[in-house]
C-alpha atoms as a PDB file:
ATOM      1  CA  MET A   1    -106.464 -21.504 -58.393  1.00  0.00           C
ATOM      2  CA  LEU A   2    -103.452 -22.036 -56.992  1.00  0.00           C
ATOM      3  CA  GLY A   3    -101.443 -25.029 -57.165  1.00  0.00           C
ATOM      4  CA  MET A   4    -101.481 -27.342 -54.510  1.00  0.00           C
ATOM      5  CA  LYS A   5     -97.804 -26.632 -53.518  1.00  0.00           C
ATOM      6  CA  THR A   6     -98.726 -22.930 -53.401  1.00  0.00           C
ATOM      7  CA  ARG A   7    -101.444 -23.589 -51.051  1.00  0.00           C
ATOM      8  CA  GLN A   8     -98.877 -25.751 -48.704  1.00  0.00           C
ATOM      9  CA  ALA A   9     -96.073 -22.855 -48.634  1.00  0.00           C
ATOM     10  CA  ILE A  10     -98.675 -20.386 -47.581  1.00  0.00           C
ATOM     11  CA  THR A  11    -100.290 -22.561 -45.077  1.00  0.00           C
ATOM     12  CA  GLN A  12     -96.795 -23.192 -43.474  1.00  0.00           C
ATOM     13  CA  THR A  13     -95.985 -19.840 -43.465  1.00  0.00           C
ATOM     14  CA  THR A  14     -98.885 -18.308 -41.776  1.00  0.00           C
ATOM     15  CA  ILE A  15     -98.533 -21.481 -39.182  1.00  0.00           C
ATOM     16  CA  LEU A  16     -94.674 -19.918 -38.525  1.00  0.00           C
ATOM     17  CA  LEU A  17     -95.975 -16.671 -38.370  1.00  0.00           C
ATOM     18  CA  SER A  18     -98.446 -17.758 -36.260  1.00  0.00           C
ATOM     19  CA  LEU A  19     -95.708 -19.209 -33.825  1.00  0.00           C
ATOM     20  CA  LEU A  20     -93.797 -16.331 -33.783  1.00  0.00           C
ATOM     21  CA  PHE A  21     -96.470 -14.034 -32.401  1.00  0.00           C
ATOM     22  CA  GLY A  22     -97.371 -16.199 -29.791  1.00  0.00           C
ATOM     23  CA  LEU A  23     -94.361 -16.825 -28.614  1.00  0.00           C
ATOM     24  CA  SER A  24     -93.710 -12.115 -28.606  1.00  0.00           C
ATOM     25  CA  ALA A  25     -96.729 -12.602 -26.932  1.00  0.00           C
ATOM     26  CA  CYS A  26     -96.039 -14.980 -24.001  1.00  0.00           C
ATOM     27  CA  SER A  27     -92.397 -13.158 -23.331  1.00  0.00           C
ATOM     28  CA  PRO A  28     -92.635 -10.473 -20.473  1.00  0.00           C
ATOM     29  CA  ALA A  29     -92.064  -6.988 -21.005  1.00  0.00           C
ATOM     30  CA  GLU A  30     -88.936  -5.704 -20.398  1.00  0.00           C
ATOM     31  CA  PRO A  31     -88.868  -3.217 -17.604  1.00  0.00           C
ATOM     32  CA  PRO A  32     -88.018   0.397 -18.176  1.00  0.00           C
ATOM     33  CA  ARG A  33     -84.357   1.882 -17.916  1.00  0.00           C
ATOM     34  CA  PRO A  34     -84.291   4.481 -15.237  1.00  0.00           C
ATOM     35  CA  THR A  35     -83.100   7.706 -16.680  1.00  0.00           C
ATOM     36  CA  PRO A  36     -79.770   8.686 -15.498  1.00  0.00           C
ATOM     37  CA  THR A  37     -79.860  11.330 -12.275  1.00  0.00           C
ATOM     38  CA  PRO A  38     -76.944  13.722 -13.503  1.00  0.00           C
ATOM     39  CA  PHE A  39     -74.294  14.458 -11.448  1.00  0.00           C
ATOM     40  CA  PRO A  40     -74.823  17.497  -9.519  1.00  0.00           C
ATOM     41  CA  ALA A  41     -72.015  20.400 -10.707  1.00  0.00           C
ATOM     42  CA  THR A  42     -70.243  21.159  -7.564  1.00  0.00           C
ATOM     43  CA  ALA A  43     -67.162  23.958  -7.590  1.00  0.00           C
ATOM     44  CA  ALA A  44     -63.690  22.559  -6.964  1.00  0.00           C
ATOM     45  CA  PRO A  45     -62.945  22.651  -3.275  1.00  0.00           C
ATOM     46  CA  GLU A  46     -60.979  25.810  -2.472  1.00  0.00           C
ATOM     47  CA  PRO A  47     -57.386  24.902  -0.764  1.00  0.00           C
ATOM     48  CA  THR A  48     -57.538  25.523   3.170  1.00  0.00           C
ATOM     49  CA  VAL A  49     -55.166  28.431   4.089  1.00  0.00           C
ATOM     50  CA  THR A  50     -54.136  28.859   7.511  1.00  0.00           C
ATOM     51  CA  PHE A  51     -53.049  32.460   8.297  1.00  0.00           C
ATOM     52  CA  THR A  52     -50.429  32.729  11.077  1.00  0.00           C
ATOM     53  CA  PRO A  53     -49.964  36.303  12.074  1.00  0.00           C
ATOM     54  CA  SER A  54     -46.342  37.664  11.888  1.00  0.00           C
ATOM     55  CA  PRO A  55     -44.926  38.853  15.787  1.00  0.00           C
ATOM     56  CA  PRO A  56     -45.408  43.143  15.714  1.00  0.00           C
ATOM     57  CA  THR A  57     -42.621  44.610  14.190  1.00  0.00           C
ATOM     58  CA  GLU A  58     -41.088  46.947  17.308  1.00  0.00           C
ATOM     59  CA  THR A  59     -39.218  50.117  16.875  1.00  0.00           C
ATOM     60  CA  PRO A  60     -35.821  49.511  18.323  1.00  0.00           C
ATOM     61  CA  THR A  61     -35.279  51.183  21.599  1.00  0.00           C
ATOM     62  CA  PRO A  62     -32.110  52.782  21.178  1.00  0.00           C
ATOM     63  CA  THR A  63     -29.559  52.268  23.842  1.00  0.00           C
ATOM     64  CA  PRO A  64     -29.013  55.019  26.431  1.00  0.00           C
ATOM     65  CA  LEU A  65     -25.629  56.356  25.860  1.00  0.00           C
ATOM     66  CA  THR A  66     -23.843  55.726  29.583  1.00  0.00           C
ATOM     67  CA  CYS A  67     -22.260  58.903  29.368  1.00  0.00           C
ATOM     68  CA  LEU A  68     -25.419  60.672  29.971  1.00  0.00           C
ATOM     69  CA  THR A  69     -25.512  60.059  33.511  1.00  0.00           C
ATOM     70  CA  GLN A  70     -21.447  61.312  33.833  1.00  0.00           C
ATOM     71  CA  PRO A  71     -19.958  64.841  34.394  1.00  0.00           C
ATOM     72  CA  GLY A  72     -17.893  66.469  31.429  1.00  0.00           C
ATOM     73  CA  ARG A  73     -14.112  66.806  31.501  1.00  0.00           C
ATOM     74  CA  VAL A  74     -11.920  69.335  31.583  1.00  0.00           C
ATOM     75  CA  GLU A  75      -8.262  69.555  29.494  1.00  0.00           C
ATOM     76  CA  GLU A  76      -5.370  71.667  30.095  1.00  0.00           C
ATOM     77  CA  GLY A  77      -3.912  72.910  26.673  1.00  0.00           C
ATOM     78  CA  LEU A  78      -1.073  75.328  25.356  1.00  0.00           C
ATOM     79  CA  LEU A  79      -0.987  77.314  22.320  1.00  0.00           C
ATOM     80  CA  GLU A  80       2.766  77.520  21.159  1.00  0.00           C
ATOM     81  CA  THR A  81       2.400  79.445  18.215  1.00  0.00           C
ATOM     82  CA  THR A  82       1.722  82.483  20.287  1.00  0.00           C
ATOM     83  CA  ASN A  83       4.354  84.488  21.754  1.00  0.00           C
ATOM     84  CA  PRO A  84       3.615  84.244  24.650  1.00  0.00           C
ATOM     85  CA  PRO A  85       1.997  81.067  24.357  1.00  0.00           C
ATOM     86  CA  GLN A  86      -1.285  80.778  25.010  1.00  0.00           C
ATOM     87  CA  ALA A  87      -2.667  78.634  27.891  1.00  0.00           C
ATOM     88  CA  TYR A  88      -6.502  77.756  28.229  1.00  0.00           C
ATOM     89  CA  PHE A  89      -8.443  75.096  30.008  1.00  0.00           C
ATOM     90  CA  ILE A  90     -11.239  73.619  27.973  1.00  0.00           C
ATOM     91  CA  TYR A  91     -14.545  71.852  28.971  1.00  0.00           C
ATOM     92  CA  LEU A  92     -15.880  68.899  26.938  1.00  0.00           C
ATOM     93  CA  PRO A  93     -19.308  68.069  27.682  1.00  0.00           C
ATOM     94  CA  PRO A  94     -20.699  64.288  28.478  1.00  0.00           C
ATOM     95  CA  CYS A  95     -20.706  62.183  25.286  1.00  0.00           C
ATOM     96  CA  TYR A  96     -18.580  64.301  23.430  1.00  0.00           C
ATOM     97  CA  ASP A  97     -16.190  61.449  22.539  1.00  0.00           C
ATOM     98  CA  GLU A  98     -19.285  59.214  22.073  1.00  0.00           C
ATOM     99  CA  GLU A  99     -20.742  61.338  19.826  1.00  0.00           C
ATOM    100  CA  PRO A 100     -18.005  62.044  17.384  1.00  0.00           C
ATOM    101  CA  GLU A 101     -20.460  63.107  14.590  1.00  0.00           C
ATOM    102  CA  ARG A 102     -21.701  66.278  16.875  1.00  0.00           C
ATOM    103  CA  ARG A 103     -21.050  69.753  17.129  1.00  0.00           C
ATOM    104  CA  TYR A 104     -21.360  72.257  19.949  1.00  0.00           C
ATOM    105  CA  PRO A 105     -21.879  76.196  20.619  1.00  0.00           C
ATOM    106  CA  VAL A 106     -18.723  77.435  22.515  1.00  0.00           C
ATOM    107  CA  LEU A 107     -18.420  80.018  25.061  1.00  0.00           C
ATOM    108  CA  TYR A 108     -15.297  81.686  26.384  1.00  0.00           C
ATOM    109  CA  LEU A 109     -15.162  82.871  29.734  1.00  0.00           C
ATOM    110  CA  LEU A 110     -12.602  85.323  30.813  1.00  0.00           C
ATOM    111  CA  HIS A 111     -11.320  85.298  34.266  1.00  0.00           C
ATOM    112  CA  GLY A 112     -10.461  88.557  36.575  1.00  0.00           C
ATOM    113  CA  GLN A 113      -7.564  90.755  37.096  1.00  0.00           C
ATOM    114  CA  THR A 114      -4.421  88.917  38.995  1.00  0.00           C
ATOM    115  CA  TYR A 115      -6.492  85.466  38.439  1.00  0.00           C
ATOM    116  CA  THR A 116      -5.791  82.682  36.510  1.00  0.00           C
ATOM    117  CA  ALA A 117      -7.423  80.273  34.054  1.00  0.00           C
ATOM    118  CA  ASP A 118      -8.794  78.315  36.459  1.00  0.00           C
ATOM    119  CA  GLN A 119     -11.188  80.714  38.416  1.00  0.00           C
ATOM    120  CA  TRP A 120     -14.264  79.939  36.733  1.00  0.00           C
ATOM    121  CA  ILE A 121     -13.617  76.604  37.847  1.00  0.00           C
ATOM    122  CA  ARG A 122     -13.126  77.226  41.033  1.00  0.00           C
ATOM    123  CA  LEU A 123     -16.124  79.360  41.426  1.00  0.00           C
ATOM    124  CA  GLY A 124     -18.295  75.906  39.906  1.00  0.00           C
ATOM    125  CA  ALA A 125     -18.919  76.950  36.212  1.00  0.00           C
ATOM    126  CA  VAL A 126     -17.797  73.710  35.067  1.00  0.00           C
ATOM    127  CA  ASP A 127     -20.140  71.836  38.080  1.00  0.00           C
ATOM    128  CA  THR A 128     -23.289  74.020  37.396  1.00  0.00           C
ATOM    129  CA  LEU A 129     -22.971  73.693  33.785  1.00  0.00           C
ATOM    130  CA  ASP A 130     -22.655  69.633  34.725  1.00  0.00           C
ATOM    131  CA  ALA A 131     -25.695  69.590  36.825  1.00  0.00           C
ATOM    132  CA  LEU A 132     -27.917  71.650  34.061  1.00  0.00           C
ATOM    133  CA  LEU A 133     -26.772  69.048  31.397  1.00  0.00           C
ATOM    134  CA  LEU A 134     -27.618  66.063  33.431  1.00  0.00           C
ATOM    135  CA  ASN A 135     -30.706  67.265  34.446  1.00  0.00           C
ATOM    136  CA  GLY A 136     -31.815  67.781  30.779  1.00  0.00           C
ATOM    137  CA  GLU A 137     -31.927  71.770  31.510  1.00  0.00           C
ATOM    138  CA  ALA A 138     -29.560  72.559  28.808  1.00  0.00           C
ATOM    139  CA  GLN A 139     -28.044  71.634  25.317  1.00  0.00           C
ATOM    140  CA  PRO A 140     -24.326  70.622  25.965  1.00  0.00           C
ATOM    141  CA  PHE A 141     -21.897  73.580  25.289  1.00  0.00           C
ATOM    142  CA  ILE A 142     -18.034  73.861  25.507  1.00  0.00           C
ATOM    143  CA  ILE A 143     -16.401  76.535  27.541  1.00  0.00           C
ATOM    144  CA  VAL A 144     -12.990  77.932  27.050  1.00  0.00           C
ATOM    145  CA  PHE A 145     -10.970  78.965  29.976  1.00  0.00           C
ATOM    146  CA  PRO A 146      -8.195  81.325  28.304  1.00  0.00           C
ATOM    147  CA  ASP A 147      -5.341  82.209  30.492  1.00  0.00           C
ATOM    148  CA  ASP A 148      -4.473  86.000  31.184  1.00  0.00           C
ATOM    149  CA  ARG A 149      -1.707  85.933  33.348  1.00  0.00           C
ATOM    150  CA  TYR A 150       0.379  88.604  31.731  1.00  0.00           C
ATOM    151  CA  TRP A 151      -2.446  91.332  32.540  1.00  0.00           C
ATOM    152  CA  ASN A 152       0.673  93.752  34.504  1.00  0.00           C
ATOM    153  CA  LEU A 153       3.290  92.883  31.580  1.00  0.00           C
ATOM    154  CA  PRO A 154       3.901  93.995  28.262  1.00  0.00           C
ATOM    155  CA  PRO A 155       2.298  91.064  26.809  1.00  0.00           C
ATOM    156  CA  GLY A 156      -1.078  91.752  28.852  1.00  0.00           C
ATOM    157  CA  ALA A 157      -2.183  94.351  25.769  1.00  0.00           C
ATOM    158  CA  GLY A 158      -1.880  91.549  23.328  1.00  0.00           C
ATOM    159  CA  PHE A 159      -4.028  89.232  25.026  1.00  0.00           C
ATOM    160  CA  GLY A 160      -7.294  90.455  22.718  1.00  0.00           C
ATOM    161  CA  GLN A 161      -5.784  89.410  19.545  1.00  0.00           C
ATOM    162  CA  ARG A 162      -3.875  86.378  20.559  1.00  0.00           C
ATOM    163  CA  LEU A 163      -7.555  85.111  21.690  1.00  0.00           C
ATOM    164  CA  VAL A 164      -9.154  86.095  18.584  1.00  0.00           C
ATOM    165  CA  ASP A 165      -6.310  85.675  15.829  1.00  0.00           C
ATOM    166  CA  ALA A 166      -5.015  82.449  17.072  1.00  0.00           C
ATOM    167  CA  LEU A 167      -7.184  80.699  19.910  1.00  0.00           C
ATOM    168  CA  ILE A 168     -10.111  80.874  18.592  1.00  0.00           C
ATOM    169  CA  PRO A 169      -9.196  79.384  14.707  1.00  0.00           C
ATOM    170  CA  TYR A 170      -7.524  76.855  17.006  1.00  0.00           C
ATOM    171  CA  ILE A 171     -10.154  75.836  19.033  1.00  0.00           C
ATOM    172  CA  ASP A 172     -12.372  75.570  15.997  1.00  0.00           C
ATOM    173  CA  SER A 173      -9.961  73.535  14.261  1.00  0.00           C
ATOM    174  CA  THR A 174      -9.084  71.352  17.186  1.00  0.00           C
ATOM    175  CA  TYR A 175     -12.211  70.398  18.767  1.00  0.00           C
ATOM    176  CA  ARG A 176     -15.368  70.102  17.501  1.00  0.00           C
ATOM    177  CA  THR A 177     -17.326  73.396  17.953  1.00  0.00           C
ATOM    178  CA  LEU A 178     -19.820  75.128  15.338  1.00  0.00           C
ATOM    179  CA  PRO A 179     -17.351  77.844  14.406  1.00  0.00           C
ATOM    180  CA  ASP A 180     -19.464  80.838  13.751  1.00  0.00           C
ATOM    181  CA  ARG A 181     -20.692  83.990  15.337  1.00  0.00           C
ATOM    182  CA  THR A 182     -23.902  82.749  16.119  1.00  0.00           C
ATOM    183  CA  HIS A 183     -23.009  79.595  18.015  1.00  0.00           C
ATOM    184  CA  ARG A 184     -20.106  81.954  19.943  1.00  0.00           C
ATOM    185  CA  ALA A 185     -20.386  83.487  23.104  1.00  0.00           C
ATOM    186  CA  ILE A 186     -18.117  85.798  25.281  1.00  0.00           C
ATOM    187  CA  GLY A 187     -17.827  86.429  28.930  1.00  0.00           C
ATOM    188  CA  GLY A 188     -15.986  87.436  31.959  1.00  0.00           C
ATOM    189  CA  LEU A 189     -15.840  89.022  34.957  1.00  0.00           C
ATOM    190  CA  SER A 190     -13.650  91.867  36.164  1.00  0.00           C
ATOM    191  CA  ARG A 191     -10.952  92.369  33.895  1.00  0.00           C
ATOM    192  CA  GLY A 192     -12.450  89.713  32.030  1.00  0.00           C
ATOM    193  CA  GLY A 193     -15.759  91.322  31.846  1.00  0.00           C
ATOM    194  CA  GLY A 194     -13.748  94.475  30.626  1.00  0.00           C
ATOM    195  CA  TRP A 195     -12.137  92.322  27.654  1.00  0.00           C
ATOM    196  CA  ALA A 196     -15.541  90.857  26.616  1.00  0.00           C
ATOM    197  CA  LEU A 197     -17.187  94.182  26.079  1.00  0.00           C
ATOM    198  CA  ARG A 198     -14.041  95.362  24.046  1.00  0.00           C
ATOM    199  CA  LEU A 199     -14.094  92.399  21.809  1.00  0.00           C
ATOM    200  CA  GLY A 200     -17.803  91.623  22.211  1.00  0.00           C
ATOM    201  CA  PHE A 201     -18.317  94.894  20.633  1.00  0.00           C
ATOM    202  CA  THR A 202     -15.824  95.560  18.237  1.00  0.00           C
ATOM    203  CA  ARG A 203     -15.389  91.801  16.918  1.00  0.00           C
ATOM    204  CA  TRP A 204     -19.417  91.195  16.483  1.00  0.00           C
ATOM    205  CA  ASP A 205     -18.420  89.229  13.250  1.00  0.00           C
ATOM    206  CA  LEU A 206     -17.223  86.321  15.768  1.00  0.00           C
ATOM    207  CA  PHE A 207     -19.658  86.831  19.095  1.00  0.00           C
ATOM    208  CA  SER A 208     -23.511  87.203  19.280  1.00  0.00           C
ATOM    209  CA  VAL A 209     -23.541  86.589  22.875  1.00  0.00           C
ATOM    210  CA  ILE A 210     -21.856  88.997  25.427  1.00  0.00           C
ATOM    211  CA  GLY A 211     -21.607  88.104  29.327  1.00  0.00           C
ATOM    212  CA  LEU A 212     -20.527  91.538  31.535  1.00  0.00           C
ATOM    213  CA  HIS A 213     -20.322  90.069  35.269  1.00  0.00           C
ATOM    214  CA  SER A 214     -18.649  93.199  37.298  1.00  0.00           C
ATOM    215  CA  PRO A 215     -17.035  94.368  34.205  1.00  0.00           C
ATOM    216  CA  ALA A 216     -13.964  97.075  34.825  1.00  0.00           C
ATOM    217  CA  VAL A 217     -13.715  98.503  31.413  1.00  0.00           C
ATOM    218  CA  LEU A 218     -10.242  98.957  30.117  1.00  0.00           C
ATOM    219  CA  GLN A 219      -8.971 102.120  29.822  1.00  0.00           C
ATOM    220  CA  GLY A 220     -10.323 104.482  27.399  1.00  0.00           C
ATOM    221  CA  ASP A 221     -13.094 102.601  26.431  1.00  0.00           C
ATOM    222  CA  ALA A 222     -15.945 103.878  28.086  1.00  0.00           C
ATOM    223  CA  SER A 223     -15.753 106.850  25.192  1.00  0.00           C
ATOM    224  CA  GLN A 224     -16.232 104.264  22.456  1.00  0.00           C
ATOM    225  CA  ILE A 225     -19.330 102.496  23.446  1.00  0.00           C
ATOM    226  CA  ALA A 226     -21.743 104.597  21.116  1.00  0.00           C
ATOM    227  CA  LYS A 227     -19.419 104.661  18.441  1.00  0.00           C
ATOM    228  CA  TRP A 228     -19.598 100.597  18.953  1.00  0.00           C
ATOM    229  CA  ILE A 229     -22.617  99.964  18.959  1.00  0.00           C
ATOM    230  CA  ALA A 230     -23.354 102.230  15.850  1.00  0.00           C
ATOM    231  CA  ALA A 231     -21.207 100.025  14.200  1.00  0.00           C
ATOM    232  CA  ILE A 232     -22.954  97.416  14.614  1.00  0.00           C
ATOM    233  CA  PRO A 233     -25.613  95.910  11.687  1.00  0.00           C
ATOM    234  CA  PRO A 234     -28.950  96.174  13.323  1.00  0.00           C
ATOM    235  CA  ASP A 235     -29.379  92.730  12.652  1.00  0.00           C
ATOM    236  CA  TYR A 236     -26.103  91.591  14.246  1.00  0.00           C
ATOM    237  CA  ARG A 237     -26.818  93.552  17.594  1.00  0.00           C
ATOM    238  CA  PRO A 238     -25.653  90.726  20.268  1.00  0.00           C
ATOM    239  CA  SER A 239     -27.443  89.369  23.082  1.00  0.00           C
ATOM    240  CA  VAL A 240     -25.873  91.251  26.343  1.00  0.00           C
ATOM    241  CA  PHE A 241     -26.361  90.333  29.802  1.00  0.00           C
ATOM    242  CA  MET A 242     -24.507  92.599  32.700  1.00  0.00           C
ATOM    243  CA  ASP A 243     -24.707  92.159  36.323  1.00  0.00           C
ATOM    244  CA  ILE A 244     -22.937  93.767  39.326  1.00  0.00           C
ATOM    245  CA  GLY A 245     -22.897  94.068  43.015  1.00  0.00           C
ATOM    246  CA  ASP A 246     -24.300  97.529  44.601  1.00  0.00           C
ATOM    247  CA  LYS A 247     -21.063  97.853  46.667  1.00  0.00           C
ATOM    248  CA  ASP A 248     -18.517  96.589  43.831  1.00  0.00           C
ATOM    249  CA  GLN A 249     -16.278  99.771  43.312  1.00  0.00           C
ATOM    250  CA  GLU A 250     -16.917  99.566  39.712  1.00  0.00           C
ATOM    251  CA  TRP A 251     -20.768  99.881  39.822  1.00  0.00           C
ATOM    252  CA  ARG A 252     -21.174 103.140  38.732  1.00  0.00           C
ATOM    253  CA  MET A 253     -19.145 102.822  35.673  1.00  0.00           C
ATOM    254  CA  ALA A 254     -21.589  99.912  34.715  1.00  0.00           C
ATOM    255  CA  VAL A 255     -24.129 102.587  35.600  1.00  0.00           C
ATOM    256  CA  ALA A 256     -23.378 104.732  33.241  1.00  0.00           C
ATOM    257  CA  LEU A 257     -22.793 101.876  30.652  1.00  0.00           C
ATOM    258  CA  GLU A 258     -26.069 100.861  30.953  1.00  0.00           C
ATOM    259  CA  ALA A 259     -27.047 104.074  30.539  1.00  0.00           C
ATOM    260  CA  GLN A 260     -25.015 104.262  27.034  1.00  0.00           C
ATOM    261  CA  PHE A 261     -26.699 101.150  26.269  1.00  0.00           C
ATOM    262  CA  ASN A 262     -30.424 102.269  26.640  1.00  0.00           C
ATOM    263  CA  GLU A 263     -29.640 105.318  24.594  1.00  0.00           C
ATOM    264  CA  ASN A 264     -28.345 103.481  21.651  1.00  0.00           C
ATOM    265  CA  GLU A 265     -31.083 101.359  22.205  1.00  0.00           C
ATOM    266  CA  LEU A 266     -29.216  98.102  22.563  1.00  0.00           C
ATOM    267  CA  VAL A 267     -31.731  95.612  24.016  1.00  0.00           C
ATOM    268  CA  HIS A 268     -29.924  94.011  27.079  1.00  0.00           C
ATOM    269  CA  GLU A 269     -30.601  92.244  30.568  1.00  0.00           C
ATOM    270  CA  TRP A 270     -29.076  94.463  33.945  1.00  0.00           C
ATOM    271  CA  ARG A 271     -29.089  93.218  37.256  1.00  0.00           C
ATOM    272  CA  LEU A 272     -28.064  95.200  40.135  1.00  0.00           C
ATOM    273  CA  TYR A 273     -27.586  92.848  42.863  1.00  0.00           C
ATOM    274  CA  ASN A 274     -26.306  93.142  46.757  1.00  0.00           C
ATOM    275  CA  GLY A 275     -22.686  92.501  46.957  1.00  0.00           C
ATOM    276  CA  ALA A 276     -19.007  93.352  46.419  1.00  0.00           C
ATOM    277  CA  HIS A 277     -15.986  92.998  43.704  1.00  0.00           C
ATOM    278  CA  THR A 278     -15.386  89.813  45.202  1.00  0.00           C
ATOM    279  CA  GLU A 279     -15.003  85.742  44.433  1.00  0.00           C
ATOM    280  CA  GLU A 280     -18.311  85.651  46.971  1.00  0.00           C
ATOM    281  CA  TYR A 281     -20.209  87.559  44.706  1.00  0.00           C
ATOM    282  CA  TRP A 282     -19.276  85.536  41.743  1.00  0.00           C
ATOM    283  CA  SER A 283     -19.501  82.406  42.949  1.00  0.00           C
ATOM    284  CA  ALA A 284     -23.052  82.868  44.212  1.00  0.00           C
ATOM    285  CA  HIS A 285     -24.596  84.238  40.792  1.00  0.00           C
ATOM    286  CA  VAL A 286     -22.406  81.631  38.773  1.00  0.00           C
ATOM    287  CA  GLU A 287     -25.520  79.353  38.078  1.00  0.00           C
ATOM    288  CA  GLU A 288     -27.381  82.317  36.840  1.00  0.00           C
ATOM    289  CA  TYR A 289     -24.625  83.136  34.462  1.00  0.00           C
ATOM    290  CA  LEU A 290     -24.758  79.678  33.171  1.00  0.00           C
ATOM    291  CA  ARG A 291     -28.180  79.280  33.053  1.00  0.00           C
ATOM    292  CA  TRP A 292     -28.097  82.803  30.780  1.00  0.00           C
ATOM    293  CA  TYR A 293     -25.894  81.117  28.528  1.00  0.00           C
ATOM    294  CA  ALA A 294     -27.422  77.728  28.125  1.00  0.00           C
ATOM    295  CA  GLY A 295     -30.656  79.604  27.008  1.00  0.00           C
ATOM    296  CA  GLN A 296     -28.772  81.160  24.247  1.00  0.00           C
ATOM    297  CA  TRP A 297     -28.561  77.570  22.790  1.00  0.00           C
ATOM    298  CA  ASN A 298     -31.605  75.506  24.267  1.00  0.00           C
ATOM    299  CA  ALA A 299     -32.956  74.843  20.961  1.00  0.00           C
ATOM    300  CA  PRO A 300     -30.921  72.083  19.328  1.00  0.00           C
ATOM    301  CA  PRO A 301     -28.147  72.792  16.906  1.00  0.00           C
ATOM    302  CA  PRO A 302     -29.384  72.520  13.089  1.00  0.00           C
END
């Protein structure tokens, strides 16, 4: 049986618990806490790039050479190492000075008997070539006009030797030529044509182009033609052009010469025109001659 004090303690405890539960029941319920919404995962913003196009690159246009609108020039020279001194004129094409690295083919044009080195110039060779170059119809080349004023004096016989042994080496060392046979030509009128025939065929190692304009064949050379042609290696046979007027006193010899070319299968160009052995005839055909020479080199040099 429980004691009085024990029952009182239980009663107090029961009353205290009842009060506590009553208070708990009377307290308002705590509202539910909201579930936090996760922050959306967003990629980091990409940096803004502004593209500014570069200005187009233009190929610079070369400044045209003003010399291309100007004629070439003629200089006079004298080679004093020969006996007698060898005089000459030389034509240098437009832009010769402005293009110091460029080298040029060279044509040796020989004048006729009783004339001097300026004959071809008077006949229009320089003016004609200037016109072809300025019109873009030819590649530039040099022309040398050697003087053969001693034709009727003892030194006259040595003209050919002076030309090949002294003048050509001097020209090649002094001016910007292409110093090989492929880019070297020889031509002449009347007696100059006779020299061009002899030198062109006997010194085929020096010349690849031969022009014979109303040629006066030098004494004793007519009987040598077949031998000269036979001595030239087939791959080194020159380009040959020959013309003459039908009233020229040399036309029979020219016809016989052309027949020998055919007999020896030498490819050549042959023209028989109306005309005589005169400057009037040569000046009328000088443009044809210069166009033919220019045509040998119209492809640019290597």
